Every structure is written in structure tokens, then in C-alpha cells.
Amino acid sequence: MNLFDICRNELDRIKAEDRYRVFADLEKQADKFPYYKHHQDGGVEQVLVWCSNDYLAMGQSDVLRDAVHEAVEQTGVGAGGTRNISGTSHYHVALEDELADWHRKEAALLFTSGYIANEASLSTLLSASPNMDVFSDQKNHASMIQGIRKGKARKHIFRHNDLTHLRELLEAADPESHKMVAFESVYSMDGDIGLIEEICDLAHEFNAITYLDEVHAVGMYGPRGAGIAERDGVLDKVDLIEGTLGKAIGVHGGYLAGPSHVLDYIRSVAPGFIFTTSLPPMVAAAATASIRHLKESG
């Protein structure tokens, strides 16, 4: 049996367990969102899609469309390279400045998706020290879990939103180790809210840095739409904030906001950042326009 046979057998098993996924061939209708065209068996029918991540319908907004048209006329379509070569346009720089301001942080760093932002950032930071512990909420997103797995830190899972359990794990860890507590604001499966202020206070009591995933909250909460941490007035307590451009913002990509030297370190050593073609300038332009609109429309 070769590798191809293994793949075929595993697919058969997935199908037998009724876990095989069939993609719906959908075509978004910008003028009728959230109605889509569903292409199937040679025909087309109109369907109502309730599972879109475009929470605020910004993907159809004239604010974003105008920004895309202007950027395409100015720069063309693709970025033309990685950020280290020729892929850093003024649109990327402006978007990172906008994101840093949004979250009241020194700087921000763009990634090609929210998943990559978590995977690259966490794996890089959790490999920076030979003596490090990471404490991860039980219900963290798969991208956070993958980044934590790839990192070299000792891994501890605390029960969801359980401050008592988190304290027990922090107290049991090496008092001299470097520590990180990683958690979310809005958890995607249950829709509940992380105890941001309480977790940050506890983490800082043990000199641990805090890493907050706000992907399901950015654009949706807070006076300027920066997320739950802004809504609750605790942006200053969160050390690192990760977010996506692919949900409420209405486009594509991900980012991390925090201290400038930390992001400079990730920029300098993370393979998931270094070796990836950067976001198309038109996408960066649309994201910047979306964030500027959301900051003022809350």
C-alpha cells in the first residue's frame, strides 16, 4: 500500500462515518446579499445564506468597492512579492498604522489570514525562550492550538474561563519561566465571552504576557469597533491582540497588534510571514477603508 492508497482508504472511512464534506458552489450577489446563486447539477437557484462571516455586509459596501477600484487603477491587482522583497506597498503600511491605532497599540503586523496570524505569531513567540510556559483556554480556536503546538513552550490547558484552574496552573509552573496566557474574546463555537480583565489581571500577577484573539469581535463591539477589549475598557491590559480582516471588516487577511519590538521580531524570524506573498494592495486598501468607516459609524 502506497501513500495514495492510504489517502483513498482514509477518504472512504471519512465517507462511511458521514464526515465527508461537499462544497456548495455559491456566487455572492452584492446587490442582494445575503442571497447567493447556488450552482448545482447544471442549474442555478437562489439561496439565503445564514453562515457568512461578512457580519456587517461590508464586503458589498461602496466604501470598500471605491477603495478597491482606486487601488487597482494605481497599483494593479497583485502585490508582486513578499513583504521583504517588493510586496510592501504604501497601502500595507497605511493599514498597519490604522490597525495599531484601532487597538491602541504601538504597531501592527499583517498576515495573509487570521489563521496564519495565530499560527505564525504563537509558534514564533513560544519558541523565543528555552524556558517558557503557555496557558491556553480549553476552547481556543484551531489556529491558536496549531500555533501553540508548533511552539517549544510547555503547554498547559485551563478549563474554559476558569480563573481558579488558571491560577492553579500558573502557581505550579516554574516561577522563573517566561509565561503567556492565550485566550479569546468571543468564542466561535458557543458564542460566549472571555473574562478579559480578570484573565489579564491574573496573568500579569504572574508576570505572564496576554495574547487575545478578537477575530469574532473586531468591527462588532466597542465605541470604535475594536472589539470586546475596547468595549470593556481594558485595551491597555491586553499585551497582544490578534484579529482578522475576513469577517466584520469584509475582506481578507489577518493581523497582530502589540509592542513594536515584538512585532519586529516576528517580522524578522517567522517563516509564515517571511516566505508568503503579501496581501494584494487592493485588499489592504479595502480593509483600511472599512476600518476607518467602522471607527466612525459605531
C-alpha atoms as a PDB file:
ATOM      1  CA  MET A   1       0.000   0.000   0.000  1.00  0.00           C
ATOM      2  CA  ASN A   2       1.455   3.366  -1.006  1.00  0.00           C
ATOM      3  CA  LEU A   3       0.619   6.855   0.173  1.00  0.00           C
ATOM      4  CA  PHE A   4      -2.089   7.333  -2.454  1.00  0.00           C
ATOM      5  CA  ASP A   5      -3.800   4.150  -1.287  1.00  0.00           C
ATOM      6  CA  ILE A   6      -3.714   5.417   2.281  1.00  0.00           C
ATOM      7  CA  CYS A   7      -5.370   8.666   1.189  1.00  0.00           C
ATOM      8  CA  ARG A   8      -8.081   6.734  -0.664  1.00  0.00           C
ATOM      9  CA  ASN A   9      -8.746   4.474   2.308  1.00  0.00           C
ATOM     10  CA  GLU A  10      -8.938   7.404   4.697  1.00  0.00           C
ATOM     11  CA  LEU A  11     -11.399   9.153   2.419  1.00  0.00           C
ATOM     12  CA  ASP A  12     -13.536   6.018   2.322  1.00  0.00           C
ATOM     13  CA  ARG A  13     -13.503   5.943   6.119  1.00  0.00           C
ATOM     14  CA  ILE A  14     -14.497   9.623   6.344  1.00  0.00           C
ATOM     15  CA  LYS A  15     -17.385   8.997   3.942  1.00  0.00           C
ATOM     16  CA  ALA A  16     -18.510   5.909   5.859  1.00  0.00           C
ATOM     17  CA  GLU A  17     -18.580   7.988   9.054  1.00  0.00           C
ATOM     18  CA  ASP A  18     -20.674  10.634   7.276  1.00  0.00           C
ATOM     19  CA  ARG A  19     -17.957  13.259   7.765  1.00  0.00           C
ATOM     20  CA  TYR A  20     -17.162  13.877   4.089  1.00  0.00           C
ATOM     21  CA  ARG A  21     -17.613  17.483   3.030  1.00  0.00           C
ATOM     22  CA  VAL A  22     -19.123  18.616  -0.255  1.00  0.00           C
ATOM     23  CA  PHE A  23     -18.557  22.271  -1.127  1.00  0.00           C
ATOM     24  CA  ALA A  24     -21.560  24.329  -2.134  1.00  0.00           C
ATOM     25  CA  ASP A  25     -20.844  26.156  -5.407  1.00  0.00           C
ATOM     26  CA  LEU A  26     -22.032  29.626  -4.402  1.00  0.00           C
ATOM     27  CA  GLU A  27     -21.949  33.014  -6.085  1.00  0.00           C
ATOM     28  CA  LYS A  28     -22.446  36.035  -3.866  1.00  0.00           C
ATOM     29  CA  GLN A  29     -24.849  38.668  -5.185  1.00  0.00           C
ATOM     30  CA  ALA A  30     -23.549  42.001  -3.988  1.00  0.00           C
ATOM     31  CA  ASP A  31     -26.826  43.783  -4.667  1.00  0.00           C
ATOM     32  CA  LYS A  32     -28.904  41.088  -2.932  1.00  0.00           C
ATOM     33  CA  PHE A  33     -26.665  39.987  -0.029  1.00  0.00           C
ATOM     34  CA  PRO A  34     -27.157  37.635   1.823  1.00  0.00           C
ATOM     35  CA  TYR A  35     -28.809  35.927  -1.152  1.00  0.00           C
ATOM     36  CA  TYR A  36     -26.441  33.858  -3.262  1.00  0.00           C
ATOM     37  CA  LYS A  37     -26.677  31.919  -6.515  1.00  0.00           C
ATOM     38  CA  HIS A  38     -26.244  28.181  -5.907  1.00  0.00           C
ATOM     39  CA  HIS A  39     -24.846  26.300  -8.908  1.00  0.00           C
ATOM     40  CA  GLN A  40     -25.774  22.606  -8.795  1.00  0.00           C
ATOM     41  CA  ASP A  41     -26.357  19.840 -11.345  1.00  0.00           C
ATOM     42  CA  GLY A  42     -26.188  22.261 -14.248  1.00  0.00           C
ATOM     43  CA  GLY A  43     -28.799  24.589 -12.780  1.00  0.00           C
ATOM     44  CA  VAL A  44     -28.834  27.734 -10.660  1.00  0.00           C
ATOM     45  CA  GLU A  45     -31.124  28.595  -7.764  1.00  0.00           C
ATOM     46  CA  GLN A  46     -31.194  31.492  -5.352  1.00  0.00           C
ATOM     47  CA  VAL A  47     -30.482  30.626  -1.722  1.00  0.00           C
ATOM     48  CA  LEU A  48     -30.344  32.585   1.521  1.00  0.00           C
ATOM     49  CA  VAL A  49     -27.002  32.135   3.302  1.00  0.00           C
ATOM     50  CA  TRP A  50     -27.066  32.445   7.088  1.00  0.00           C
ATOM     51  CA  CYS A  51     -23.475  31.328   7.737  1.00  0.00           C
ATOM     52  CA  SER A  52     -21.490  34.128   6.086  1.00  0.00           C
ATOM     53  CA  ASN A  53     -18.655  35.670   8.106  1.00  0.00           C
ATOM     54  CA  ASP A  54     -19.371  39.022   6.451  1.00  0.00           C
ATOM     55  CA  TYR A  55     -21.237  40.040   9.602  1.00  0.00           C
ATOM     56  CA  LEU A  56     -21.892  43.668   8.641  1.00  0.00           C
ATOM     57  CA  ALA A  57     -22.149  43.216   4.852  1.00  0.00           C
ATOM     58  CA  MET A  58     -19.078  45.427   4.449  1.00  0.00           C
ATOM     59  CA  GLY A  59     -17.957  43.221   1.572  1.00  0.00           C
ATOM     60  CA  GLN A  60     -20.719  44.807  -0.517  1.00  0.00           C
ATOM     61  CA  SER A  61     -20.212  48.377   0.683  1.00  0.00           C
ATOM     62  CA  ASP A  62     -19.489  51.135  -1.812  1.00  0.00           C
ATOM     63  CA  VAL A  63     -16.904  52.395   0.691  1.00  0.00           C
ATOM     64  CA  LEU A  64     -14.817  49.278   0.051  1.00  0.00           C
ATOM     65  CA  ARG A  65     -15.614  48.987  -3.644  1.00  0.00           C
ATOM     66  CA  ASP A  66     -14.456  52.547  -4.290  1.00  0.00           C
ATOM     67  CA  ALA A  67     -11.230  51.887  -2.381  1.00  0.00           C
ATOM     68  CA  VAL A  68     -10.574  48.738  -4.412  1.00  0.00           C
ATOM     69  CA  HIS A  69     -11.190  50.493  -7.736  1.00  0.00           C
ATOM     70  CA  GLU A  70      -8.808  53.318  -6.838  1.00  0.00           C
ATOM     71  CA  ALA A  71      -6.084  50.900  -5.679  1.00  0.00           C
ATOM     72  CA  VAL A  72      -6.426  48.714  -8.777  1.00  0.00           C
ATOM     73  CA  GLU A  73      -6.041  51.747 -11.022  1.00  0.00           C
ATOM     74  CA  GLN A  74      -2.992  52.828  -9.042  1.00  0.00           C
ATOM     75  CA  THR A  75      -1.180  49.518  -8.454  1.00  0.00           C
ATOM     76  CA  GLY A  76      -2.813  46.757 -10.466  1.00  0.00           C
ATOM     77  CA  VAL A  77      -4.041  43.562  -8.844  1.00  0.00           C
ATOM     78  CA  GLY A  78      -1.296  41.562  -7.098  1.00  0.00           C
ATOM     79  CA  ALA A  79       1.294  42.546  -4.507  1.00  0.00           C
ATOM     80  CA  GLY A  80       4.156  41.224  -6.623  1.00  0.00           C
ATOM     81  CA  GLY A  81       6.240  39.750  -3.832  1.00  0.00           C
ATOM     82  CA  THR A  82       6.773  39.020  -0.175  1.00  0.00           C
ATOM     83  CA  ARG A  83       6.935  41.868   2.312  1.00  0.00           C
ATOM     84  CA  ASN A  84      10.744  41.569   2.414  1.00  0.00           C
ATOM     85  CA  ILE A  85      11.220  41.990  -1.324  1.00  0.00           C
ATOM     86  CA  SER A  86       8.736  44.153  -3.225  1.00  0.00           C
ATOM     87  CA  GLY A  87       5.435  43.321  -1.533  1.00  0.00           C
ATOM     88  CA  THR A  88       5.242  46.189   0.958  1.00  0.00           C
ATOM     89  CA  SER A  89       3.164  48.911  -0.653  1.00  0.00           C
ATOM     90  CA  HIS A  90       2.035  52.135   0.940  1.00  0.00           C
ATOM     91  CA  TYR A  91      -1.404  50.513   1.272  1.00  0.00           C
ATOM     92  CA  HIS A  92       0.068  47.859   3.591  1.00  0.00           C
ATOM     93  CA  VAL A  93       1.847  50.460   5.707  1.00  0.00           C
ATOM     94  CA  ALA A  94      -1.311  52.571   5.994  1.00  0.00           C
ATOM     95  CA  LEU A  95      -3.380  49.541   7.023  1.00  0.00           C
ATOM     96  CA  GLU A  96      -0.906  48.529   9.735  1.00  0.00           C
ATOM     97  CA  ASP A  97      -0.953  52.082  11.089  1.00  0.00           C
ATOM     98  CA  GLU A  98      -4.760  52.013  11.086  1.00  0.00           C
ATOM     99  CA  LEU A  99      -4.854  48.685  12.937  1.00  0.00           C
ATOM    100  CA  ALA A 100      -2.364  49.857  15.562  1.00  0.00           C
ATOM    101  CA  ASP A 101      -4.462  52.956  16.206  1.00  0.00           C
ATOM    102  CA  TRP A 102      -7.638  50.860  16.336  1.00  0.00           C
ATOM    103  CA  HIS A 103      -6.325  48.707  19.163  1.00  0.00           C
ATOM    104  CA  ARG A 104      -4.311  51.472  20.863  1.00  0.00           C
ATOM    105  CA  LYS A 105      -1.036  49.582  20.337  1.00  0.00           C
ATOM    106  CA  GLU A 106       2.383  50.692  19.149  1.00  0.00           C
ATOM    107  CA  ALA A 107       2.281  48.703  15.937  1.00  0.00           C
ATOM    108  CA  ALA A 108       0.505  46.043  13.901  1.00  0.00           C
ATOM    109  CA  LEU A 109       1.676  43.348  11.504  1.00  0.00           C
ATOM    110  CA  LEU A 110      -0.325  41.980   8.567  1.00  0.00           C
ATOM    111  CA  PHE A 111      -0.639  38.293   7.662  1.00  0.00           C
ATOM    112  CA  THR A 112      -2.371  36.541   4.777  1.00  0.00           C
ATOM    113  CA  SER A 113      -5.140  35.198   7.040  1.00  0.00           C
ATOM    114  CA  GLY A 114      -6.282  35.160  10.643  1.00  0.00           C
ATOM    115  CA  TYR A 115      -5.274  31.508  10.845  1.00  0.00           C
ATOM    116  CA  ILE A 116      -1.727  32.287   9.696  1.00  0.00           C
ATOM    117  CA  ALA A 117      -1.547  35.255  12.070  1.00  0.00           C
ATOM    118  CA  ASN A 118      -2.197  32.951  15.024  1.00  0.00           C
ATOM    119  CA  GLU A 119      -0.102  30.043  13.819  1.00  0.00           C
ATOM    120  CA  ALA A 120       2.942  32.127  12.861  1.00  0.00           C
ATOM    121  CA  SER A 121       2.818  34.521  15.828  1.00  0.00           C
ATOM    122  CA  LEU A 122       2.242  31.949  18.544  1.00  0.00           C
ATOM    123  CA  SER A 123       4.722  29.391  17.222  1.00  0.00           C
ATOM    124  CA  THR A 124       7.375  32.090  16.886  1.00  0.00           C
ATOM    125  CA  LEU A 125       6.858  33.724  20.275  1.00  0.00           C
ATOM    126  CA  LEU A 126       6.571  30.378  22.071  1.00  0.00           C
ATOM    127  CA  SER A 127       9.936  29.315  20.669  1.00  0.00           C
ATOM    128  CA  ALA A 128      11.771  32.501  21.650  1.00  0.00           C
ATOM    129  CA  SER A 129      12.813  31.244  25.094  1.00  0.00           C
ATOM    130  CA  PRO A 130      14.150  27.830  26.180  1.00  0.00           C
ATOM    131  CA  ASN A 131      12.212  28.181  29.436  1.00  0.00           C
ATOM    132  CA  MET A 132       8.643  29.095  28.635  1.00  0.00           C
ATOM    133  CA  ASP A 133       5.117  28.048  29.624  1.00  0.00           C
ATOM    134  CA  VAL A 134       1.937  28.768  27.697  1.00  0.00           C
ATOM    135  CA  PHE A 135      -1.540  28.578  29.233  1.00  0.00           C
ATOM    136  CA  SER A 136      -4.319  28.084  26.694  1.00  0.00           C
ATOM    137  CA  ASP A 137      -8.082  28.229  27.179  1.00  0.00           C
ATOM    138  CA  GLN A 138      -9.726  24.862  26.562  1.00  0.00           C
ATOM    139  CA  LYS A 139     -11.958  26.295  23.822  1.00  0.00           C
ATOM    140  CA  ASN A 140      -9.346  28.220  21.847  1.00  0.00           C
ATOM    141  CA  HIS A 141      -9.596  28.194  18.061  1.00  0.00           C
ATOM    142  CA  ALA A 142      -7.795  25.557  15.972  1.00  0.00           C
ATOM    143  CA  SER A 143      -5.362  28.169  14.642  1.00  0.00           C
ATOM    144  CA  MET A 144      -4.266  29.046  18.169  1.00  0.00           C
ATOM    145  CA  ILE A 145      -3.923  25.381  19.060  1.00  0.00           C
ATOM    146  CA  GLN A 146      -1.795  24.751  15.983  1.00  0.00           C
ATOM    147  CA  GLY A 147       0.482  27.700  16.743  1.00  0.00           C
ATOM    148  CA  ILE A 148       0.865  26.566  20.345  1.00  0.00           C
ATOM    149  CA  ARG A 149       1.645  23.005  19.252  1.00  0.00           C
ATOM    150  CA  LYS A 150       4.388  24.238  16.927  1.00  0.00           C
ATOM    151  CA  GLY A 151       5.937  26.366  19.652  1.00  0.00           C
ATOM    152  CA  LYS A 152       8.566  24.974  22.019  1.00  0.00           C
ATOM    153  CA  ALA A 153       6.941  26.133  25.258  1.00  0.00           C
ATOM    154  CA  ARG A 154       5.496  23.774  27.846  1.00  0.00           C
ATOM    155  CA  LYS A 155       1.767  23.581  27.238  1.00  0.00           C
ATOM    156  CA  HIS A 156      -0.994  23.865  29.861  1.00  0.00           C
ATOM    157  CA  ILE A 157      -4.731  23.820  29.095  1.00  0.00           C
ATOM    158  CA  PHE A 158      -7.048  25.562  31.559  1.00  0.00           C
ATOM    159  CA  ARG A 159     -10.754  24.872  31.742  1.00  0.00           C
ATOM    160  CA  HIS A 160     -12.793  27.364  29.758  1.00  0.00           C
ATOM    161  CA  ASN A 161     -13.000  30.733  31.531  1.00  0.00           C
ATOM    162  CA  ASP A 162     -11.984  29.020  34.787  1.00  0.00           C
ATOM    163  CA  LEU A 163      -9.867  31.509  36.745  1.00  0.00           C
ATOM    164  CA  THR A 164      -9.349  29.108  39.635  1.00  0.00           C
ATOM    165  CA  HIS A 165      -7.890  26.452  37.356  1.00  0.00           C
ATOM    166  CA  LEU A 166      -5.721  29.001  35.558  1.00  0.00           C
ATOM    167  CA  ARG A 167      -4.341  30.214  38.893  1.00  0.00           C
ATOM    168  CA  GLU A 168      -3.543  26.648  39.923  1.00  0.00           C
ATOM    169  CA  LEU A 169      -1.597  26.072  36.707  1.00  0.00           C
ATOM    170  CA  LEU A 170       0.261  29.375  36.996  1.00  0.00           C
ATOM    171  CA  GLU A 171       1.194  28.674  40.596  1.00  0.00           C
ATOM    172  CA  ALA A 172       2.503  25.210  39.702  1.00  0.00           C
ATOM    173  CA  ALA A 173       4.716  26.468  36.874  1.00  0.00           C
ATOM    174  CA  ASP A 174       8.388  27.375  37.191  1.00  0.00           C
ATOM    175  CA  PRO A 175       8.380  30.846  38.777  1.00  0.00           C
ATOM    176  CA  GLU A 176      11.403  31.776  36.641  1.00  0.00           C
ATOM    177  CA  SER A 177       9.892  30.769  33.300  1.00  0.00           C
ATOM    178  CA  HIS A 178       8.585  33.152  30.675  1.00  0.00           C
ATOM    179  CA  LYS A 179       4.817  32.832  30.517  1.00  0.00           C
ATOM    180  CA  MET A 180       1.978  33.546  28.116  1.00  0.00           C
ATOM    181  CA  VAL A 181      -1.784  33.231  28.601  1.00  0.00           C
ATOM    182  CA  ALA A 182      -3.655  32.790  25.306  1.00  0.00           C
ATOM    183  CA  PHE A 183      -7.435  33.149  25.076  1.00  0.00           C
ATOM    184  CA  GLU A 184     -10.285  34.625  23.014  1.00  0.00           C
ATOM    185  CA  SER A 185     -12.855  37.359  23.420  1.00  0.00           C
ATOM    186  CA  VAL A 186     -15.817  35.796  21.573  1.00  0.00           C
ATOM    187  CA  TYR A 187     -15.565  32.009  21.307  1.00  0.00           C
ATOM    188  CA  SER A 188     -16.720  30.766  17.934  1.00  0.00           C
ATOM    189  CA  MET A 189     -18.461  27.531  18.916  1.00  0.00           C
ATOM    190  CA  ASP A 190     -20.553  28.708  21.882  1.00  0.00           C
ATOM    191  CA  GLY A 191     -20.549  32.469  21.334  1.00  0.00           C
ATOM    192  CA  ASP A 192     -19.671  33.211  24.953  1.00  0.00           C
ATOM    193  CA  ILE A 193     -17.296  35.945  26.098  1.00  0.00           C
ATOM    194  CA  GLY A 194     -13.866  35.560  27.641  1.00  0.00           C
ATOM    195  CA  LEU A 195     -13.125  37.094  31.037  1.00  0.00           C
ATOM    196  CA  ILE A 196     -10.632  39.521  29.569  1.00  0.00           C
ATOM    197  CA  GLU A 197      -9.974  41.849  32.504  1.00  0.00           C
ATOM    198  CA  GLU A 198      -9.881  39.058  35.082  1.00  0.00           C
ATOM    199  CA  ILE A 199      -7.586  36.852  32.989  1.00  0.00           C
ATOM    200  CA  CYS A 200      -5.246  39.755  32.231  1.00  0.00           C
ATOM    201  CA  ASP A 201      -5.018  40.743  35.894  1.00  0.00           C
ATOM    202  CA  LEU A 202      -4.285  37.159  36.891  1.00  0.00           C
ATOM    203  CA  ALA A 203      -1.728  36.689  34.128  1.00  0.00           C
ATOM    204  CA  HIS A 204       0.125  39.866  34.998  1.00  0.00           C
ATOM    205  CA  GLU A 205       0.199  38.839  38.650  1.00  0.00           C
ATOM    206  CA  PHE A 206       2.485  36.031  37.485  1.00  0.00           C
ATOM    207  CA  ASN A 207       4.387  38.250  35.023  1.00  0.00           C
ATOM    208  CA  ALA A 208       2.767  36.493  32.061  1.00  0.00           C
ATOM    209  CA  ILE A 209       2.020  38.273  28.802  1.00  0.00           C
ATOM    210  CA  THR A 210      -1.534  38.109  27.439  1.00  0.00           C
ATOM    211  CA  TYR A 211      -2.467  37.085  23.898  1.00  0.00           C
ATOM    212  CA  LEU A 212      -6.082  37.789  22.925  1.00  0.00           C
ATOM    213  CA  ASP A 213      -7.815  36.512  19.794  1.00  0.00           C
ATOM    214  CA  GLU A 214     -10.526  39.048  18.828  1.00  0.00           C
ATOM    215  CA  VAL A 215     -11.393  37.661  15.382  1.00  0.00           C
ATOM    216  CA  HIS A 216     -15.111  37.254  16.076  1.00  0.00           C
ATOM    217  CA  ALA A 217     -15.392  40.632  17.796  1.00  0.00           C
ATOM    218  CA  VAL A 218     -13.442  43.194  15.765  1.00  0.00           C
ATOM    219  CA  GLY A 219     -15.794  45.514  13.945  1.00  0.00           C
ATOM    220  CA  MET A 220     -18.703  44.434  16.124  1.00  0.00           C
ATOM    221  CA  TYR A 221     -18.102  45.779  19.633  1.00  0.00           C
ATOM    222  CA  GLY A 222     -16.722  48.891  21.254  1.00  0.00           C
ATOM    223  CA  PRO A 223     -17.147  52.634  20.575  1.00  0.00           C
ATOM    224  CA  ARG A 224     -14.854  52.393  17.537  1.00  0.00           C
ATOM    225  CA  GLY A 225     -15.477  48.726  16.758  1.00  0.00           C
ATOM    226  CA  ALA A 226     -12.127  47.468  18.027  1.00  0.00           C
ATOM    227  CA  GLY A 227     -13.654  44.507  19.873  1.00  0.00           C
ATOM    228  CA  ILE A 228     -14.611  43.305  23.332  1.00  0.00           C
ATOM    229  CA  ALA A 229     -11.442  44.624  24.973  1.00  0.00           C
ATOM    230  CA  GLU A 230     -12.326  48.120  23.773  1.00  0.00           C
ATOM    231  CA  ARG A 231     -15.978  47.680  24.762  1.00  0.00           C
ATOM    232  CA  ASP A 232     -14.925  46.732  28.291  1.00  0.00           C
ATOM    233  CA  GLY A 233     -12.292  49.466  28.536  1.00  0.00           C
ATOM    234  CA  VAL A 234      -9.372  47.070  29.021  1.00  0.00           C
ATOM    235  CA  LEU A 235      -7.301  47.530  25.855  1.00  0.00           C
ATOM    236  CA  ASP A 236      -4.383  48.649  27.998  1.00  0.00           C
ATOM    237  CA  LYS A 237      -4.394  45.343  29.885  1.00  0.00           C
ATOM    238  CA  VAL A 238      -4.033  43.172  26.781  1.00  0.00           C
ATOM    239  CA  ASP A 239      -0.462  42.828  25.535  1.00  0.00           C
ATOM    240  CA  LEU A 240      -1.095  41.286  22.108  1.00  0.00           C
ATOM    241  CA  ILE A 241      -4.318  41.352  20.067  1.00  0.00           C
ATOM    242  CA  GLU A 242      -4.868  39.130  17.039  1.00  0.00           C
ATOM    243  CA  GLY A 243      -7.645  39.769  14.563  1.00  0.00           C
ATOM    244  CA  THR A 244      -8.981  39.055  11.106  1.00  0.00           C
ATOM    245  CA  LEU A 245      -9.918  41.194   8.135  1.00  0.00           C
ATOM    246  CA  GLY A 246     -12.147  38.437   6.776  1.00  0.00           C
ATOM    247  CA  LYS A 247     -15.223  38.751   8.972  1.00  0.00           C
ATOM    248  CA  ALA A 248     -16.830  42.045  10.020  1.00  0.00           C
ATOM    249  CA  ILE A 249     -14.228  44.065   8.097  1.00  0.00           C
ATOM    250  CA  GLY A 250     -15.413  42.347   4.938  1.00  0.00           C
ATOM    251  CA  VAL A 251     -12.221  41.454   3.067  1.00  0.00           C
ATOM    252  CA  HIS A 252      -9.348  39.018   3.694  1.00  0.00           C
ATOM    253  CA  GLY A 253      -6.246  38.701   5.862  1.00  0.00           C
ATOM    254  CA  GLY A 254      -5.182  38.742   9.490  1.00  0.00           C
ATOM    255  CA  TYR A 255      -3.009  40.750  11.840  1.00  0.00           C
ATOM    256  CA  LEU A 256      -1.357  41.045  15.222  1.00  0.00           C
ATOM    257  CA  ALA A 257      -1.191  44.296  17.206  1.00  0.00           C
ATOM    258  CA  GLY A 258       1.144  44.974  20.122  1.00  0.00           C
ATOM    259  CA  PRO A 259       4.566  46.369  21.104  1.00  0.00           C
ATOM    260  CA  SER A 260       6.584  47.408  18.061  1.00  0.00           C
ATOM    261  CA  HIS A 261       9.708  45.439  19.013  1.00  0.00           C
ATOM    262  CA  VAL A 262       7.703  42.225  19.449  1.00  0.00           C
ATOM    263  CA  LEU A 263       6.135  42.578  16.007  1.00  0.00           C
ATOM    264  CA  ASP A 264       9.521  43.485  14.559  1.00  0.00           C
ATOM    265  CA  TYR A 265      10.883  40.229  15.993  1.00  0.00           C
ATOM    266  CA  ILE A 266       8.054  38.187  14.463  1.00  0.00           C
ATOM    267  CA  ARG A 267       8.533  40.010  11.157  1.00  0.00           C
ATOM    268  CA  SER A 268      12.217  39.131  11.226  1.00  0.00           C
ATOM    269  CA  VAL A 269      12.055  35.412  12.066  1.00  0.00           C
ATOM    270  CA  ALA A 270       8.584  33.907  11.422  1.00  0.00           C
ATOM    271  CA  PRO A 271       8.587  31.703   8.286  1.00  0.00           C
ATOM    272  CA  GLY A 272       4.814  32.079   7.950  1.00  0.00           C
ATOM    273  CA  PHE A 273       5.363  35.792   7.425  1.00  0.00           C
ATOM    274  CA  ILE A 274       8.707  35.912   5.634  1.00  0.00           C
ATOM    275  CA  PHE A 275       8.036  33.426   2.845  1.00  0.00           C
ATOM    276  CA  THR A 276       4.460  34.384   1.908  1.00  0.00           C
ATOM    277  CA  THR A 277       3.386  36.770  -0.843  1.00  0.00           C
ATOM    278  CA  SER A 278       1.760  39.750   0.816  1.00  0.00           C
ATOM    279  CA  LEU A 279      -1.889  40.698   0.558  1.00  0.00           C
ATOM    280  CA  PRO A 280      -2.861  42.412  -2.714  1.00  0.00           C
ATOM    281  CA  PRO A 281      -2.711  46.194  -2.268  1.00  0.00           C
ATOM    282  CA  MET A 282      -6.370  46.467  -3.294  1.00  0.00           C
ATOM    283  CA  VAL A 283      -7.305  44.214  -0.343  1.00  0.00           C
ATOM    284  CA  ALA A 284      -5.245  46.350   2.026  1.00  0.00           C
ATOM    285  CA  ALA A 285      -6.910  49.474   0.644  1.00  0.00           C
ATOM    286  CA  ALA A 286     -10.381  47.996   1.149  1.00  0.00           C
ATOM    287  CA  ALA A 287      -9.549  46.903   4.699  1.00  0.00           C
ATOM    288  CA  THR A 288      -8.244  50.366   5.580  1.00  0.00           C
ATOM    289  CA  ALA A 289     -11.389  51.988   4.211  1.00  0.00           C
ATOM    290  CA  SER A 290     -13.557  49.527   6.123  1.00  0.00           C
ATOM    291  CA  ILE A 291     -11.806  50.127   9.444  1.00  0.00           C
ATOM    292  CA  ARG A 292     -11.927  53.899   9.034  1.00  0.00           C
ATOM    293  CA  HIS A 293     -15.650  53.637   8.349  1.00  0.00           C
ATOM    294  CA  LEU A 294     -16.261  51.314  11.314  1.00  0.00           C
ATOM    295  CA  LYS A 295     -14.319  53.591  13.669  1.00  0.00           C
ATOM    296  CA  GLU A 296     -16.759  56.402  12.944  1.00  0.00           C
ATOM    297  CA  SER A 297     -20.027  54.545  12.446  1.00  0.00           C
ATOM    298  CA  GLY A 298     -20.463  52.907  15.870  1.00  0.00           C
END
